[in-house]
Amino acid sequence: MNKCRDDAVNEKAREKAIKILDVFEELLDKYEINIPDENKRNLYECRIYGSNYYFLEDKITEIIEVEE
């Protein structure tokens, strides 16, 4: 694979990961469940926030990249 192709695959995988996280956030929102984060200032900012969000985004992206 060339660099441009790798970047396109990575970007596509990250976009899919974000969509998957959106689904989880909607479910957490439905049940009013928050994932704690030490940097969260407002209880209603996001259900998954900060380092927790980016950790999940990275892990989901890795899984998708392996599959593609």
N, C-alpha and C. Protein backbone atom coordinates (compact mmCIF):
# COMPACT_ATOMS: atom_id res chain seq x y z
N MET A 1 0.84 -1.20 0.00
CA MET A 1 0.00 0.00 0.00
C MET A 1 0.87 1.25 0.00
N ASN A 2 0.42 2.25 -0.68
CA ASN A 2 1.17 3.50 -0.66
C ASN A 2 0.64 4.43 0.43
N LYS A 3 1.38 5.48 0.70
CA LYS A 3 1.05 6.41 1.79
C LYS A 3 -0.33 7.04 1.62
N CYS A 4 -0.66 7.48 0.41
CA CYS A 4 -1.97 8.10 0.16
C CYS A 4 -3.10 7.10 0.43
N ARG A 5 -2.92 5.89 -0.02
CA ARG A 5 -3.93 4.85 0.21
C ARG A 5 -4.07 4.55 1.69
N ASP A 6 -2.94 4.47 2.41
CA ASP A 6 -2.97 4.24 3.86
C ASP A 6 -3.74 5.35 4.57
N ASP A 7 -3.47 6.59 4.19
CA ASP A 7 -4.16 7.72 4.80
C ASP A 7 -5.65 7.67 4.53
N ALA A 8 -6.04 7.31 3.31
CA ALA A 8 -7.45 7.22 2.96
C ALA A 8 -8.14 6.11 3.75
N VAL A 9 -7.47 4.97 3.90
CA VAL A 9 -8.03 3.86 4.67
C VAL A 9 -8.16 4.26 6.13
N ASN A 10 -7.13 4.91 6.68
CA ASN A 10 -7.17 5.36 8.06
C ASN A 10 -8.30 6.35 8.30
N GLU A 11 -8.46 7.29 7.38
CA GLU A 11 -9.51 8.30 7.51
C GLU A 11 -10.89 7.65 7.43
N LYS A 12 -11.06 6.74 6.52
CA LYS A 12 -12.33 6.04 6.36
C LYS A 12 -12.64 5.22 7.61
N ALA A 13 -11.65 4.54 8.15
CA ALA A 13 -11.82 3.74 9.36
C ALA A 13 -12.19 4.64 10.54
N ARG A 14 -11.53 5.79 10.65
CA ARG A 14 -11.83 6.72 11.75
C ARG A 14 -13.25 7.26 11.63
N GLU A 15 -13.69 7.57 10.43
CA GLU A 15 -15.06 8.05 10.22
C GLU A 15 -16.08 6.99 10.65
N LYS A 16 -15.80 5.73 10.33
CA LYS A 16 -16.68 4.64 10.76
C LYS A 16 -16.69 4.52 12.27
N ALA A 17 -15.52 4.65 12.88
CA ALA A 17 -15.42 4.56 14.34
C ALA A 17 -16.25 5.65 15.01
N ILE A 18 -16.21 6.84 14.47
CA ILE A 18 -16.98 7.96 15.03
C ILE A 18 -18.48 7.68 14.90
N LYS A 19 -18.90 7.12 13.80
CA LYS A 19 -20.32 6.76 13.63
C LYS A 19 -20.74 5.70 14.64
N ILE A 20 -19.87 4.74 14.89
CA ILE A 20 -20.16 3.70 15.89
C ILE A 20 -20.27 4.33 17.28
N LEU A 21 -19.36 5.23 17.60
CA LEU A 21 -19.42 5.92 18.89
C LEU A 21 -20.70 6.74 19.03
N ASP A 22 -21.17 7.33 17.96
CA ASP A 22 -22.43 8.07 17.99
C ASP A 22 -23.59 7.17 18.39
N VAL A 23 -23.59 5.95 17.90
CA VAL A 23 -24.65 4.99 18.25
C VAL A 23 -24.60 4.70 19.75
N PHE A 24 -23.40 4.48 20.28
CA PHE A 24 -23.27 4.21 21.71
C PHE A 24 -23.69 5.42 22.54
N GLU A 25 -23.32 6.62 22.10
CA GLU A 25 -23.70 7.82 22.83
C GLU A 25 -25.22 8.00 22.86
N GLU A 26 -25.89 7.67 21.77
CA GLU A 26 -27.35 7.75 21.74
C GLU A 26 -27.97 6.79 22.75
N LEU A 27 -27.43 5.58 22.84
CA LEU A 27 -27.95 4.60 23.80
C LEU A 27 -27.68 5.07 25.23
N LEU A 28 -26.48 5.55 25.49
CA LEU A 28 -26.17 6.07 26.82
C LEU A 28 -27.06 7.26 27.16
N ASP A 29 -27.33 8.09 26.19
CA ASP A 29 -28.21 9.24 26.39
C ASP A 29 -29.63 8.79 26.74
N LYS A 30 -30.10 7.78 26.04
CA LYS A 30 -31.45 7.25 26.29
C LYS A 30 -31.62 6.82 27.74
N TYR A 31 -30.59 6.19 28.29
CA TYR A 31 -30.65 5.69 29.66
C TYR A 31 -29.98 6.62 30.67
N GLU A 32 -29.59 7.81 30.22
CA GLU A 32 -28.96 8.84 31.05
C GLU A 32 -27.75 8.29 31.80
N ILE A 33 -26.90 7.59 31.05
CA ILE A 33 -25.67 7.03 31.61
C ILE A 33 -24.49 7.87 31.11
N ASN A 34 -23.65 8.27 32.06
CA ASN A 34 -22.44 9.03 31.72
C ASN A 34 -21.22 8.20 32.05
N ILE A 35 -20.23 8.22 31.18
CA ILE A 35 -18.94 7.61 31.46
C ILE A 35 -18.11 8.69 32.14
N PRO A 36 -17.65 8.45 33.37
CA PRO A 36 -16.90 9.48 34.09
C PRO A 36 -15.60 9.87 33.37
N ASP A 37 -15.25 11.14 33.49
CA ASP A 37 -13.98 11.65 32.98
C ASP A 37 -13.58 12.81 33.86
N GLU A 38 -12.34 12.82 34.30
CA GLU A 38 -11.88 13.85 35.23
C GLU A 38 -11.90 15.25 34.64
N ASN A 39 -11.89 15.37 33.32
CA ASN A 39 -11.90 16.70 32.67
C ASN A 39 -13.28 17.20 32.32
N LYS A 40 -14.30 16.39 32.55
CA LYS A 40 -15.67 16.78 32.22
C LYS A 40 -16.16 17.80 33.25
N ARG A 41 -16.58 18.94 32.77
CA ARG A 41 -17.04 20.01 33.67
C ARG A 41 -18.55 20.02 33.81
N ASN A 42 -19.23 19.64 32.76
CA ASN A 42 -20.68 19.68 32.74
C ASN A 42 -21.20 18.26 32.58
N LEU A 43 -22.06 17.83 33.46
CA LEU A 43 -22.59 16.48 33.44
C LEU A 43 -23.22 16.14 32.10
N TYR A 44 -23.77 17.13 31.41
CA TYR A 44 -24.51 16.87 30.17
C TYR A 44 -23.72 17.21 28.91
N GLU A 45 -22.41 17.42 29.03
CA GLU A 45 -21.60 17.73 27.84
C GLU A 45 -21.71 16.63 26.80
N CYS A 46 -21.28 15.45 27.15
CA CYS A 46 -21.33 14.28 26.28
C CYS A 46 -21.37 13.06 27.19
N ARG A 47 -21.92 12.00 26.70
CA ARG A 47 -21.98 10.77 27.50
C ARG A 47 -20.61 10.10 27.57
N ILE A 48 -19.85 10.18 26.49
CA ILE A 48 -18.48 9.70 26.46
C ILE A 48 -17.61 10.92 26.14
N TYR A 49 -16.65 11.23 26.98
CA TYR A 49 -15.96 12.50 26.88
C TYR A 49 -14.45 12.34 26.99
N GLY A 50 -13.73 13.24 26.40
CA GLY A 50 -12.29 13.37 26.59
C GLY A 50 -11.48 12.13 26.26
N SER A 51 -10.60 11.78 27.18
CA SER A 51 -9.67 10.66 26.93
C SER A 51 -10.41 9.35 26.74
N ASN A 52 -11.55 9.18 27.40
CA ASN A 52 -12.34 7.96 27.19
C ASN A 52 -12.85 7.87 25.76
N TYR A 53 -13.33 8.99 25.25
CA TYR A 53 -13.83 9.02 23.87
C TYR A 53 -12.70 8.69 22.89
N TYR A 54 -11.56 9.34 23.05
CA TYR A 54 -10.46 9.13 22.10
C TYR A 54 -9.86 7.74 22.22
N PHE A 55 -9.84 7.18 23.43
CA PHE A 55 -9.39 5.81 23.61
C PHE A 55 -10.28 4.86 22.81
N LEU A 56 -11.60 5.00 22.97
CA LEU A 56 -12.53 4.14 22.24
C LEU A 56 -12.43 4.36 20.74
N GLU A 57 -12.33 5.62 20.33
CA GLU A 57 -12.22 5.93 18.90
C GLU A 57 -10.99 5.25 18.30
N ASP A 58 -9.87 5.33 18.99
CA ASP A 58 -8.63 4.71 18.50
C ASP A 58 -8.77 3.19 18.42
N LYS A 59 -9.33 2.57 19.45
CA LYS A 59 -9.46 1.11 19.48
C LYS A 59 -10.42 0.61 18.40
N ILE A 60 -11.54 1.30 18.23
CA ILE A 60 -12.50 0.92 17.18
C ILE A 60 -11.87 1.10 15.81
N THR A 61 -11.14 2.19 15.62
CA THR A 61 -10.45 2.44 14.35
C THR A 61 -9.47 1.31 14.05
N GLU A 62 -8.71 0.89 15.04
CA GLU A 62 -7.76 -0.20 14.85
C GLU A 62 -8.47 -1.48 14.40
N ILE A 63 -9.59 -1.78 15.01
CA ILE A 63 -10.35 -2.99 14.64
C ILE A 63 -10.82 -2.89 13.19
N ILE A 64 -11.34 -1.74 12.82
CA ILE A 64 -11.85 -1.55 11.46
C ILE A 64 -10.71 -1.65 10.44
N GLU A 65 -9.56 -1.05 10.77
CA GLU A 65 -8.42 -1.10 9.85
C GLU A 65 -7.96 -2.53 9.60
N VAL A 66 -7.96 -3.34 10.61
CA VAL A 66 -7.56 -4.75 10.47
C VAL A 66 -8.54 -5.48 9.55
N GLU A 67 -9.82 -5.16 9.67
CA GLU A 67 -10.85 -5.80 8.87
C GLU A 67 -10.79 -5.39 7.40
N GLU A 68 -10.33 -4.17 7.14
CA GLU A 68 -10.28 -3.68 5.75
C GLU A 68 -8.99 -4.11 5.16
